[in-house]
PDB file of N, CA and C in Angstrom:
ATOM      1  N   MET A   1     -33.149  70.985  28.792  1.00  0.00           N
ATOM      2  CA  MET A   1     -33.376  70.629  30.179  1.00  0.00           C
ATOM      3  C   MET A   1     -34.360  69.466  30.296  1.00  0.00           C
ATOM      4  N   ASN A   2     -35.402  69.457  29.443  1.00  0.00           N
ATOM      5  CA  ASN A   2     -36.382  68.369  29.534  1.00  0.00           C
ATOM      6  C   ASN A   2     -35.804  67.030  29.123  1.00  0.00           C
ATOM      7  N   TRP A   3     -34.736  67.015  28.319  1.00  0.00           N
ATOM      8  CA  TRP A   3     -34.077  65.752  28.014  1.00  0.00           C
ATOM      9  C   TRP A   3     -33.402  65.184  29.258  1.00  0.00           C
ATOM     10  N   ILE A   4     -32.829  66.047  30.068  1.00  0.00           N
ATOM     11  CA  ILE A   4     -32.214  65.597  31.330  1.00  0.00           C
ATOM     12  C   ILE A   4     -33.303  65.054  32.253  1.00  0.00           C
ATOM     13  N   ILE A   5     -34.437  65.747  32.317  1.00  0.00           N
ATOM     14  CA  ILE A   5     -35.562  65.283  33.135  1.00  0.00           C
ATOM     15  C   ILE A   5     -36.051  63.924  32.644  1.00  0.00           C
ATOM     16  N   LEU A   6     -36.112  63.759  31.328  1.00  0.00           N
ATOM     17  CA  LEU A   6     -36.550  62.480  30.766  1.00  0.00           C
ATOM     18  C   LEU A   6     -35.581  61.351  31.114  1.00  0.00           C
ATOM     19  N   ILE A   7     -34.305  61.615  31.049  1.00  0.00           N
ATOM     20  CA  ILE A   7     -33.300  60.603  31.395  1.00  0.00           C
ATOM     21  C   ILE A   7     -33.404  60.232  32.878  1.00  0.00           C
ATOM     22  N   ILE A   8     -33.587  61.234  33.728  1.00  0.00           N
ATOM     23  CA  ILE A   8     -33.765  60.954  35.160  1.00  0.00           C
ATOM     24  C   ILE A   8     -35.033  60.128  35.382  1.00  0.00           C
ATOM     25  N   ALA A   9     -36.094  60.451  34.635  1.00  0.00           N
ATOM     26  CA  ALA A   9     -37.332  59.670  34.738  1.00  0.00           C
ATOM     27  C   ALA A   9     -37.088  58.217  34.352  1.00  0.00           C
ATOM     28  N   GLY A  10     -36.288  57.997  33.320  1.00  0.00           N
ATOM     29  CA  GLY A  10     -35.942  56.635  32.913  1.00  0.00           C
ATOM     30  C   GLY A  10     -35.156  55.903  33.989  1.00  0.00           C
ATOM     31  N   PHE A  11     -34.232  56.610  34.638  1.00  0.00           N
ATOM     32  CA  PHE A  11     -33.483  55.994  35.731  1.00  0.00           C
ATOM     33  C   PHE A  11     -34.397  55.689  36.919  1.00  0.00           C
ATOM     34  N   CYS A  12     -35.396  56.543  37.139  1.00  0.00           N
ATOM     35  CA  CYS A  12     -36.378  56.254  38.199  1.00  0.00           C
ATOM     36  C   CYS A  12     -37.171  54.995  37.865  1.00  0.00           C
ATOM     37  N   GLU A  13     -37.448  54.791  36.577  1.00  0.00           N
ATOM     38  CA  GLU A  13     -38.133  53.554  36.179  1.00  0.00           C
ATOM     39  C   GLU A  13     -37.250  52.347  36.488  1.00  0.00           C
ATOM     40  N   THR A  14     -35.963  52.476  36.239  1.00  0.00           N
ATOM     41  CA  THR A  14     -35.032  51.413  36.610  1.00  0.00           C
ATOM     42  C   THR A  14     -35.030  51.217  38.119  1.00  0.00           C
ATOM     43  N   GLY A  15     -35.124  52.328  38.861  1.00  0.00           N
ATOM     44  CA  GLY A  15     -35.176  52.256  40.328  1.00  0.00           C
ATOM     45  C   GLY A  15     -36.379  51.493  40.833  1.00  0.00           C
ATOM     46  N   PHE A  16     -37.547  51.711  40.200  1.00  0.00           N
ATOM     47  CA  PHE A  16     -38.705  50.958  40.703  1.00  0.00           C
ATOM     48  C   PHE A  16     -38.630  49.501  40.303  1.00  0.00           C
ATOM     49  N   ALA A  17     -37.988  49.186  39.189  1.00  0.00           N
ATOM     50  CA  ALA A  17     -37.793  47.775  38.832  1.00  0.00           C
ATOM     51  C   ALA A  17     -36.846  47.105  39.826  1.00  0.00           C
ATOM     52  N   PHE A  18     -35.804  47.819  40.233  1.00  0.00           N
ATOM     53  CA  PHE A  18     -34.866  47.292  41.224  1.00  0.00           C
ATOM     54  C   PHE A  18     -35.574  47.019  42.547  1.00  0.00           C
ATOM     55  N   CYS A  19     -36.366  47.982  43.011  1.00  0.00           N
ATOM     56  CA  CYS A  19     -37.088  47.803  44.276  1.00  0.00           C
ATOM     57  C   CYS A  19     -38.058  46.622  44.205  1.00  0.00           C
ATOM     58  N   LEU A  20     -38.697  46.475  43.062  1.00  0.00           N
ATOM     59  CA  LEU A  20     -39.611  45.349  42.887  1.00  0.00           C
ATOM     60  C   LEU A  20     -38.848  44.022  42.947  1.00  0.00           C
ATOM     61  N   GLY A  21     -37.676  43.996  42.327  1.00  0.00           N
ATOM     62  CA  GLY A  21     -36.846  42.787  42.374  1.00  0.00           C
ATOM     63  C   GLY A  21     -36.352  42.465  43.768  1.00  0.00           C
ATOM     64  N   LYS A  22     -36.058  43.490  44.560  1.00  0.00           N
ATOM     65  CA  LYS A  22     -35.586  43.276  45.929  1.00  0.00           C
ATOM     66  C   LYS A  22     -36.728  42.920  46.873  1.00  0.00           C
ATOM     67  N   ALA A  23     -37.948  43.362  46.571  1.00  0.00           N
ATOM     68  CA  ALA A  23     -39.084  43.084  47.462  1.00  0.00           C
ATOM     69  C   ALA A  23     -39.441  41.611  47.460  1.00  0.00           C
ATOM     70  N   LYS A  24     -39.205  40.948  46.348  1.00  0.00           N
ATOM     71  CA  LYS A  24     -39.583  39.542  46.227  1.00  0.00           C
ATOM     72  C   LYS A  24     -38.903  38.657  47.280  1.00  0.00           C
ATOM     73  N   PRO A  25     -37.554  38.721  47.430  1.00  0.00           N
ATOM     74  CA  PRO A  25     -36.931  37.820  48.407  1.00  0.00           C
ATOM     75  C   PRO A  25     -36.853  38.393  49.823  1.00  0.00           C
ATOM     76  N   ALA A  26     -37.249  39.646  50.035  1.00  0.00           N
ATOM     77  CA  ALA A  26     -37.092  40.278  51.346  1.00  0.00           C
ATOM     78  C   ALA A  26     -38.248  39.891  52.263  1.00  0.00           C
ATOM     79  N   VAL A  27     -37.966  39.016  53.196  1.00  0.00           N
ATOM     80  CA  VAL A  27     -39.000  38.550  54.112  1.00  0.00           C
ATOM     81  C   VAL A  27     -38.971  39.437  55.358  1.00  0.00           C
ATOM     82  N   GLY A  28     -40.102  40.045  55.658  1.00  0.00           N
ATOM     83  CA  GLY A  28     -40.206  40.879  56.849  1.00  0.00           C
ATOM     84  C   GLY A  28     -39.851  42.335  56.609  1.00  0.00           C
ATOM     85  N   THR A  29     -39.081  42.640  55.575  1.00  0.00           N
ATOM     86  CA  THR A  29     -38.698  44.025  55.294  1.00  0.00           C
ATOM     87  C   THR A  29     -39.178  44.467  53.919  1.00  0.00           C
ATOM     88  N   GLU A  30     -40.068  43.675  53.324  1.00  0.00           N
ATOM     89  CA  GLU A  30     -40.475  44.006  51.961  1.00  0.00           C
ATOM     90  C   GLU A  30     -41.210  45.334  51.870  1.00  0.00           C
ATOM     91  N   TRP A  31     -41.778  45.831  52.958  1.00  0.00           N
ATOM     92  CA  TRP A  31     -42.501  47.105  52.882  1.00  0.00           C
ATOM     93  C   TRP A  31     -41.564  48.250  52.523  1.00  0.00           C
ATOM     94  N   TRP A  32     -40.289  48.179  52.922  1.00  0.00           N
ATOM     95  CA  TRP A  32     -39.313  49.210  52.521  1.00  0.00           C
ATOM     96  C   TRP A  32     -39.157  49.215  51.005  1.00  0.00           C
ATOM     97  N   TRP A  33     -39.066  48.026  50.449  1.00  0.00           N
ATOM     98  CA  TRP A  33     -38.886  47.918  49.003  1.00  0.00           C
ATOM     99  C   TRP A  33     -40.157  48.307  48.257  1.00  0.00           C
ATOM    100  N   ILE A  34     -41.302  47.986  48.823  1.00  0.00           N
ATOM    101  CA  ILE A  34     -42.574  48.393  48.211  1.00  0.00           C
ATOM    102  C   ILE A  34     -42.710  49.919  48.258  1.00  0.00           C
ATOM    103  N   ALA A  35     -42.296  50.531  49.377  1.00  0.00           N
ATOM    104  CA  ALA A  35     -42.326  51.999  49.484  1.00  0.00           C
ATOM    105  C   ALA A  35     -41.370  52.628  48.470  1.00  0.00           C
ATOM    106  N   GLY A  36     -40.199  52.037  48.315  1.00  0.00           N
ATOM    107  CA  GLY A  36     -39.244  52.518  47.308  1.00  0.00           C
ATOM    108  C   GLY A  36     -39.804  52.390  45.905  1.00  0.00           C
ATOM    109  N   PHE A  37     -40.470  51.263  45.649  1.00  0.00           N
ATOM    110  CA  PHE A  37     -41.114  51.056  44.358  1.00  0.00           C
ATOM    111  C   PHE A  37     -42.134  52.158  44.088  1.00  0.00           C
ATOM    112  N   ALA A  38     -43.004  52.431  45.069  1.00  0.00           N
ATOM    113  CA  ALA A  38     -44.051  53.452  44.898  1.00  0.00           C
ATOM    114  C   ALA A  38     -43.437  54.831  44.688  1.00  0.00           C
ATOM    115  N   PHE A  39     -42.406  55.152  45.449  1.00  0.00           N
ATOM    116  CA  PHE A  39     -41.739  56.450  45.316  1.00  0.00           C
ATOM    117  C   PHE A  39     -41.169  56.631  43.912  1.00  0.00           C
ATOM    118  N   PHE A  40     -40.379  55.658  43.458  1.00  0.00           N
ATOM    119  CA  PHE A  40     -39.765  55.775  42.136  1.00  0.00           C
ATOM    120  C   PHE A  40     -40.804  55.739  41.016  1.00  0.00           C
ATOM    121  N   TYR A  41     -41.872  54.978  41.207  1.00  0.00           N
ATOM    122  CA  TYR A  41     -42.933  54.891  40.207  1.00  0.00           C
ATOM    123  C   TYR A  41     -43.601  56.248  40.002  1.00  0.00           C
ATOM    124  N   VAL A  42     -43.981  56.870  41.116  1.00  0.00           N
ATOM    125  CA  VAL A  42     -44.642  58.172  41.039  1.00  0.00           C
ATOM    126  C   VAL A  42     -43.678  59.232  40.502  1.00  0.00           C
ATOM    127  N   LEU A  43     -42.460  59.263  41.024  1.00  0.00           N
ATOM    128  CA  LEU A  43     -41.474  60.247  40.563  1.00  0.00           C
ATOM    129  C   LEU A  43     -41.201  60.087  39.070  1.00  0.00           C
ATOM    130  N   SER A  44     -41.091  58.854  38.625  1.00  0.00           N
ATOM    131  CA  SER A  44     -40.846  58.586  37.208  1.00  0.00           C
ATOM    132  C   SER A  44     -41.979  59.126  36.344  1.00  0.00           C
ATOM    133  N   ALA A  45     -43.220  58.889  36.737  1.00  0.00           N
ATOM    134  CA  ALA A  45     -44.374  59.359  35.966  1.00  0.00           C
ATOM    135  C   ALA A  45     -44.467  60.881  35.963  1.00  0.00           C
ATOM    136  N   VAL A  46     -44.203  61.501  37.101  1.00  0.00           N
ATOM    137  CA  VAL A  46     -44.256  62.962  37.188  1.00  0.00           C
ATOM    138  C   VAL A  46     -43.170  63.577  36.294  1.00  0.00           C
ATOM    139  N   LEU A  47     -41.964  63.035  36.340  1.00  0.00           N
ATOM    140  CA  LEU A  47     -40.889  63.556  35.499  1.00  0.00           C
ATOM    141  C   LEU A  47     -41.167  63.325  34.019  1.00  0.00           C
ATOM    142  N   LEU A  48     -41.761  62.184  33.677  1.00  0.00           N
ATOM    143  CA  LEU A  48     -42.135  61.939  32.288  1.00  0.00           C
ATOM    144  C   LEU A  48     -43.156  62.975  31.825  1.00  0.00           C
ATOM    145  N   ALA A  49     -44.136  63.242  32.652  1.00  0.00           N
ATOM    146  CA  ALA A  49     -45.148  64.247  32.302  1.00  0.00           C
ATOM    147  C   ALA A  49     -44.503  65.616  32.093  1.00  0.00           C
ATOM    148  N   LYS A  50     -43.556  65.971  32.932  1.00  0.00           N
ATOM    149  CA  LYS A  50     -42.849  67.252  32.795  1.00  0.00           C
ATOM    150  C   LYS A  50     -42.055  67.282  31.492  1.00  0.00           C
ATOM    151  N   ALA A  51     -41.378  66.201  31.176  1.00  0.00           N
ATOM    152  CA  ALA A  51     -40.550  66.159  29.970  1.00  0.00           C
ATOM    153  C   ALA A  51     -41.389  66.266  28.704  1.00  0.00           C
ATOM    154  N   THR A  52     -42.608  65.743  28.741  1.00  0.00           N
ATOM    155  CA  THR A  52     -43.443  65.767  27.536  1.00  0.00           C
ATOM    156  C   THR A  52     -44.049  67.137  27.262  1.00  0.00           C
ATOM    157  N   GLN A  53     -43.739  68.112  28.084  1.00  0.00           N
ATOM    158  CA  GLN A  53     -44.179  69.475  27.791  1.00  0.00           C
ATOM    159  C   GLN A  53     -43.478  70.025  26.548  1.00  0.00           C
ATOM    160  N   THR A  54     -42.256  69.561  26.294  1.00  0.00           N
ATOM    161  CA  THR A  54     -41.529  70.036  25.109  1.00  0.00           C
ATOM    162  C   THR A  54     -41.056  68.907  24.199  1.00  0.00           C
ATOM    163  N   ILE A  55     -41.047  67.681  24.704  1.00  0.00           N
ATOM    164  CA  ILE A  55     -40.618  66.540  23.888  1.00  0.00           C
ATOM    165  C   ILE A  55     -41.875  65.790  23.451  1.00  0.00           C
ATOM    166  N   PRO A  56     -42.016  65.490  22.163  1.00  0.00           N
ATOM    167  CA  PRO A  56     -43.212  64.766  21.710  1.00  0.00           C
ATOM    168  C   PRO A  56     -43.343  63.411  22.412  1.00  0.00           C
ATOM    169  N   ILE A  57     -44.568  63.032  22.736  1.00  0.00           N
ATOM    170  CA  ILE A  57     -44.821  61.781  23.455  1.00  0.00           C
ATOM    171  C   ILE A  57     -44.334  60.572  22.661  1.00  0.00           C
ATOM    172  N   GLY A  58     -44.381  60.668  21.332  1.00  0.00           N
ATOM    173  CA  GLY A  58     -43.922  59.565  20.482  1.00  0.00           C
ATOM    174  C   GLY A  58     -42.433  59.321  20.580  1.00  0.00           C
ATOM    175  N   ILE A  59     -41.689  60.281  21.074  1.00  0.00           N
ATOM    176  CA  ILE A  59     -40.251  60.124  21.324  1.00  0.00           C
ATOM    177  C   ILE A  59     -40.005  59.888  22.813  1.00  0.00           C
ATOM    178  N   ALA A  60     -40.667  60.690  23.665  1.00  0.00           N
ATOM    179  CA  ALA A  60     -40.404  60.629  25.107  1.00  0.00           C
ATOM    180  C   ALA A  60     -40.748  59.273  25.706  1.00  0.00           C
ATOM    181  N   TYR A  61     -41.907  58.721  25.345  1.00  0.00           N
ATOM    182  CA  TYR A  61     -42.326  57.460  25.948  1.00  0.00           C
ATOM    183  C   TYR A  61     -41.392  56.302  25.586  1.00  0.00           C
ATOM    184  N   PRO A  62     -41.037  56.127  24.306  1.00  0.00           N
ATOM    185  CA  PRO A  62     -40.090  55.044  24.005  1.00  0.00           C
ATOM    186  C   PRO A  62     -38.721  55.226  24.672  1.00  0.00           C
ATOM    187  N   VAL A  63     -38.244  56.463  24.763  1.00  0.00           N
ATOM    188  CA  VAL A  63     -36.964  56.698  25.440  1.00  0.00           C
ATOM    189  C   VAL A  63     -37.092  56.340  26.912  1.00  0.00           C
ATOM    190  N   TRP A  64     -38.171  56.770  27.541  1.00  0.00           N
ATOM    191  CA  TRP A  64     -38.405  56.498  28.959  1.00  0.00           C
ATOM    192  C   TRP A  64     -38.483  55.001  29.236  1.00  0.00           C
ATOM    193  N   THR A  65     -39.298  54.293  28.457  1.00  0.00           N
ATOM    194  CA  THR A  65     -39.419  52.854  28.668  1.00  0.00           C
ATOM    195  C   THR A  65     -38.139  52.128  28.280  1.00  0.00           C
ATOM    196  N   GLY A  66     -37.448  52.642  27.268  1.00  0.00           N
ATOM    197  CA  GLY A  66     -36.192  52.021  26.851  1.00  0.00           C
ATOM    198  C   GLY A  66     -35.123  52.106  27.926  1.00  0.00           C
ATOM    199  N   ILE A  67     -34.991  53.284  28.532  1.00  0.00           N
ATOM    200  CA  ILE A  67     -34.020  53.432  29.629  1.00  0.00           C
ATOM    201  C   ILE A  67     -34.386  52.484  30.760  1.00  0.00           C
ATOM    202  N   GLY A  68     -35.675  52.413  31.083  1.00  0.00           N
ATOM    203  CA  GLY A  68     -36.114  51.501  32.143  1.00  0.00           C
ATOM    204  C   GLY A  68     -35.859  50.048  31.798  1.00  0.00           C
ATOM    205  N   ALA A  69     -36.130  49.672  30.546  1.00  0.00           N
ATOM    206  CA  ALA A  69     -35.936  48.278  30.124  1.00  0.00           C
ATOM    207  C   ALA A  69     -34.454  47.907  30.119  1.00  0.00           C
ATOM    208  N   VAL A  70     -33.634  48.768  29.545  1.00  0.00           N
ATOM    209  CA  VAL A  70     -32.188  48.500  29.511  1.00  0.00           C
ATOM    210  C   VAL A  70     -31.642  48.450  30.934  1.00  0.00           C
ATOM    211  N   GLY A  71     -32.059  49.406  31.753  1.00  0.00           N
ATOM    212  CA  GLY A  71     -31.603  49.413  33.148  1.00  0.00           C
ATOM    213  C   GLY A  71     -32.034  48.172  33.902  1.00  0.00           C
ATOM    214  N   ALA A  72     -33.268  47.720  33.681  1.00  0.00           N
ATOM    215  CA  ALA A  72     -33.756  46.519  34.370  1.00  0.00           C
ATOM    216  C   ALA A  72     -32.986  45.282  33.934  1.00  0.00           C
ATOM    217  N   VAL A  73     -32.689  45.177  32.652  1.00  0.00           N
ATOM    218  CA  VAL A  73     -31.913  44.021  32.174  1.00  0.00           C
ATOM    219  C   VAL A  73     -30.506  44.053  32.761  1.00  0.00           C
ATOM    220  N   LEU A  74     -29.881  45.232  32.761  1.00  0.00           N
ATOM    221  CA  LEU A  74     -28.526  45.333  33.311  1.00  0.00           C
ATOM    222  C   LEU A  74     -28.513  45.064  34.816  1.00  0.00           C
ATOM    223  N   LEU A  75     -29.521  45.553  35.531  1.00  0.00           N
ATOM    224  CA  LEU A  75     -29.623  45.220  36.960  1.00  0.00           C
ATOM    225  C   LEU A  75     -29.807  43.720  37.154  1.00  0.00           C
ATOM    226  N   GLY A  76     -30.636  43.126  36.304  1.00  0.00           N
ATOM    227  CA  GLY A  76     -30.835  41.679  36.393  1.00  0.00           C
ATOM    228  C   GLY A  76     -29.528  40.925  36.223  1.00  0.00           C
ATOM    229  N   ILE A  77     -28.716  41.367  35.289  1.00  0.00           N
ATOM    230  CA  ILE A  77     -27.446  40.687  35.021  1.00  0.00           C
ATOM    231  C   ILE A  77     -26.446  40.938  36.144  1.00  0.00           C
ATOM    232  N   PHE A  78     -26.267  42.213  36.534  1.00  0.00           N
ATOM    233  CA  PHE A  78     -25.194  42.552  37.471  1.00  0.00           C
ATOM    234  C   PHE A  78     -25.577  42.436  38.942  1.00  0.00           C
ATOM    235  N   VAL A  79     -26.841  42.627  39.278  1.00  0.00           N
ATOM    236  CA  VAL A  79     -27.245  42.583  40.685  1.00  0.00           C
ATOM    237  C   VAL A  79     -27.935  41.263  41.036  1.00  0.00           C
ATOM    238  N   PHE A  80     -28.836  40.819  40.155  1.00  0.00           N
ATOM    239  CA  PHE A  80     -29.617  39.628  40.452  1.00  0.00           C
ATOM    240  C   PHE A  80     -29.042  38.367  39.802  1.00  0.00           C
ATOM    241  N   HIS A  81     -27.879  38.487  39.183  1.00  0.00           N
ATOM    242  CA  HIS A  81     -27.124  37.356  38.622  1.00  0.00           C
ATOM    243  C   HIS A  81     -27.920  36.548  37.593  1.00  0.00           C
ATOM    244  N   GLU A  82     -28.688  37.247  36.771  1.00  0.00           N
ATOM    245  CA  GLU A  82     -29.380  36.592  35.664  1.00  0.00           C
ATOM    246  C   GLU A  82     -28.364  36.353  34.542  1.00  0.00           C
ATOM    247  N   PRO A  83     -28.618  35.396  33.681  1.00  0.00           N
ATOM    248  CA  PRO A  83     -27.634  35.075  32.643  1.00  0.00           C
ATOM    249  C   PRO A  83     -27.520  36.198  31.600  1.00  0.00           C
ATOM    250  N   ALA A  84     -26.292  36.424  31.159  1.00  0.00           N
ATOM    251  CA  ALA A  84     -26.014  37.406  30.095  1.00  0.00           C
ATOM    252  C   ALA A  84     -25.726  36.623  28.818  1.00  0.00           C
ATOM    253  N   THR A  85     -26.773  36.054  28.259  1.00  0.00           N
ATOM    254  CA  THR A  85     -26.611  35.228  27.067  1.00  0.00           C
ATOM    255  C   THR A  85     -26.425  36.102  25.829  1.00  0.00           C
ATOM    256  N   PHE A  86     -25.941  35.481  24.778  1.00  0.00           N
ATOM    257  CA  PHE A  86     -25.772  36.177  23.502  1.00  0.00           C
ATOM    258  C   PHE A  86     -27.083  36.799  23.049  1.00  0.00           C
ATOM    259  N   TRP A  87     -28.168  36.045  23.111  1.00  0.00           N
ATOM    260  CA  TRP A  87     -29.455  36.519  22.605  1.00  0.00           C
ATOM    261  C   TRP A  87     -29.992  37.678  23.428  1.00  0.00           C
ATOM    262  N   ARG A  88     -29.850  37.633  24.740  1.00  0.00           N
ATOM    263  CA  ARG A  88     -30.289  38.751  25.585  1.00  0.00           C
ATOM    264  C   ARG A  88     -29.527  40.018  25.239  1.00  0.00           C
ATOM    265  N   LEU A  89     -28.221  39.896  25.089  1.00  0.00           N
ATOM    266  CA  LEU A  89     -27.397  41.069  24.768  1.00  0.00           C
ATOM    267  C   LEU A  89     -27.666  41.570  23.351  1.00  0.00           C
ATOM    268  N   LEU A  90     -27.921  40.660  22.427  1.00  0.00           N
ATOM    269  CA  LEU A  90     -28.242  41.062  21.060  1.00  0.00           C
ATOM    270  C   LEU A  90     -29.536  41.871  21.030  1.00  0.00           C
ATOM    271  N   PHE A  91     -30.584  41.356  21.668  1.00  0.00           N
ATOM    272  CA  PHE A  91     -31.859  42.066  21.648  1.00  0.00           C
ATOM    273  C   PHE A  91     -31.808  43.347  22.479  1.00  0.00           C
ATOM    274  N   LEU A  92     -31.012  43.366  23.520  1.00  0.00           N
ATOM    275  CA  LEU A  92     -30.804  44.594  24.280  1.00  0.00           C
ATOM    276  C   LEU A  92     -30.146  45.653  23.389  1.00  0.00           C
ATOM    277  N   SER A  93     -29.178  45.230  22.592  1.00  0.00           N
ATOM    278  CA  SER A  93     -28.513  46.146  21.661  1.00  0.00           C
ATOM    279  C   SER A  93     -29.488  46.675  20.613  1.00  0.00           C
ATOM    280  N   THR A  94     -30.344  45.810  20.097  1.00  0.00           N
ATOM    281  CA  THR A  94     -31.312  46.278  19.098  1.00  0.00           C
ATOM    282  C   THR A  94     -32.316  47.249  19.723  1.00  0.00           C
ATOM    283  N   LEU A  95     -32.648  47.053  20.986  1.00  0.00           N
ATOM    284  CA  LEU A  95     -33.535  47.986  21.676  1.00  0.00           C
ATOM    285  C   LEU A  95     -32.879  49.362  21.775  1.00  0.00           C
ATOM    286  N   ILE A  96     -31.629  49.384  22.184  1.00  0.00           N
ATOM    287  CA  ILE A  96     -30.897  50.652  22.303  1.00  0.00           C
ATOM    288  C   ILE A  96     -30.788  51.331  20.944  1.00  0.00           C
ATOM    289  N   LEU A  97     -30.432  50.572  19.920  1.00  0.00           N
ATOM    290  CA  LEU A  97     -30.311  51.149  18.582  1.00  0.00           C
ATOM    291  C   LEU A  97     -31.648  51.668  18.069  1.00  0.00           C
ATOM    292  N   SER A  98     -32.730  50.989  18.387  1.00  0.00           N
ATOM    293  CA  SER A  98     -34.057  51.440  17.964  1.00  0.00           C
ATOM    294  C   SER A  98     -34.429  52.766  18.618  1.00  0.00           C
ATOM    295  N   ILE A  99     -34.127  52.920  19.880  1.00  0.00           N
ATOM    296  CA  ILE A  99     -34.439  54.164  20.587  1.00  0.00           C
ATOM    297  C   ILE A  99     -33.595  55.313  20.035  1.00  0.00           C
ATOM    298  N   VAL A 100     -32.312  55.053  19.819  1.00  0.00           N
ATOM    299  CA  VAL A 100     -31.451  56.067  19.215  1.00  0.00           C
ATOM    300  C   VAL A 100     -31.967  56.419  17.826  1.00  0.00           C
ATOM    301  N   GLY A 101     -32.379  55.424  17.055  1.00  0.00           N
ATOM    302  CA  GLY A 101     -32.915  55.659  15.717  1.00  0.00           C
ATOM    303  C   GLY A 101     -34.162  56.526  15.748  1.00  0.00           C
ATOM    304  N   LEU A 102     -35.057  56.297  16.723  1.00  0.00           N
ATOM    305  CA  LEU A 102     -36.239  57.133  16.868  1.00  0.00           C
ATOM    306  C   LEU A 102     -35.861  58.584  17.111  1.00  0.00           C
ATOM    307  N   LYS A 103     -34.864  58.789  17.931  1.00  0.00           N
ATOM    308  CA  LYS A 103     -34.417  60.154  18.218  1.00  0.00           C
ATOM    309  C   LYS A 103     -33.827  60.802  16.980  1.00  0.00           C
ATOM    310  N   ILE A 104     -33.060  60.051  16.225  1.00  0.00           N
ATOM    311  CA  ILE A 104     -32.401  60.596  15.035  1.00  0.00           C
ATOM    312  C   ILE A 104     -33.427  60.984  13.972  1.00  0.00           C
ATOM    313  N   VAL A 105     -34.392  60.125  13.716  1.00  0.00           N
ATOM    314  CA  VAL A 105     -35.363  60.423  12.666  1.00  0.00           C
ATOM    315  C   VAL A 105     -36.503  61.319  13.139  1.00  0.00           C
ATOM    316  N   GLY A 106     -36.645  61.475  14.469  1.00  0.00           N
ATOM    317  CA  GLY A 106     -37.721  62.298  15.015  1.00  0.00           C
ATOM    318  C   GLY A 106     -37.307  63.713  15.028  1.00  0.00           C
TER     319      GLY A 106
END
């Protein structure tokens, strides 16, 4: 169950990155995006703390940040129209493989 909580926490980290990205160009309505950022930030941290009750921090934290990082890059590519270059995708793949590797050897 705590693995599911950890994955949700990672998606919440992606959520606060999305809100932060939307707050930048939103003139006059940025407080909605800032509120969304704060909500997802707090929820993400609370869920991470809950997940670390049974998952070692040395595994939980990299998985949490990895989900957030991968999600932020994918949001950047698909929502914010950032370039999907070979090098970005290569390093994104190595990040994913590194997190999976930590889980396998941990």
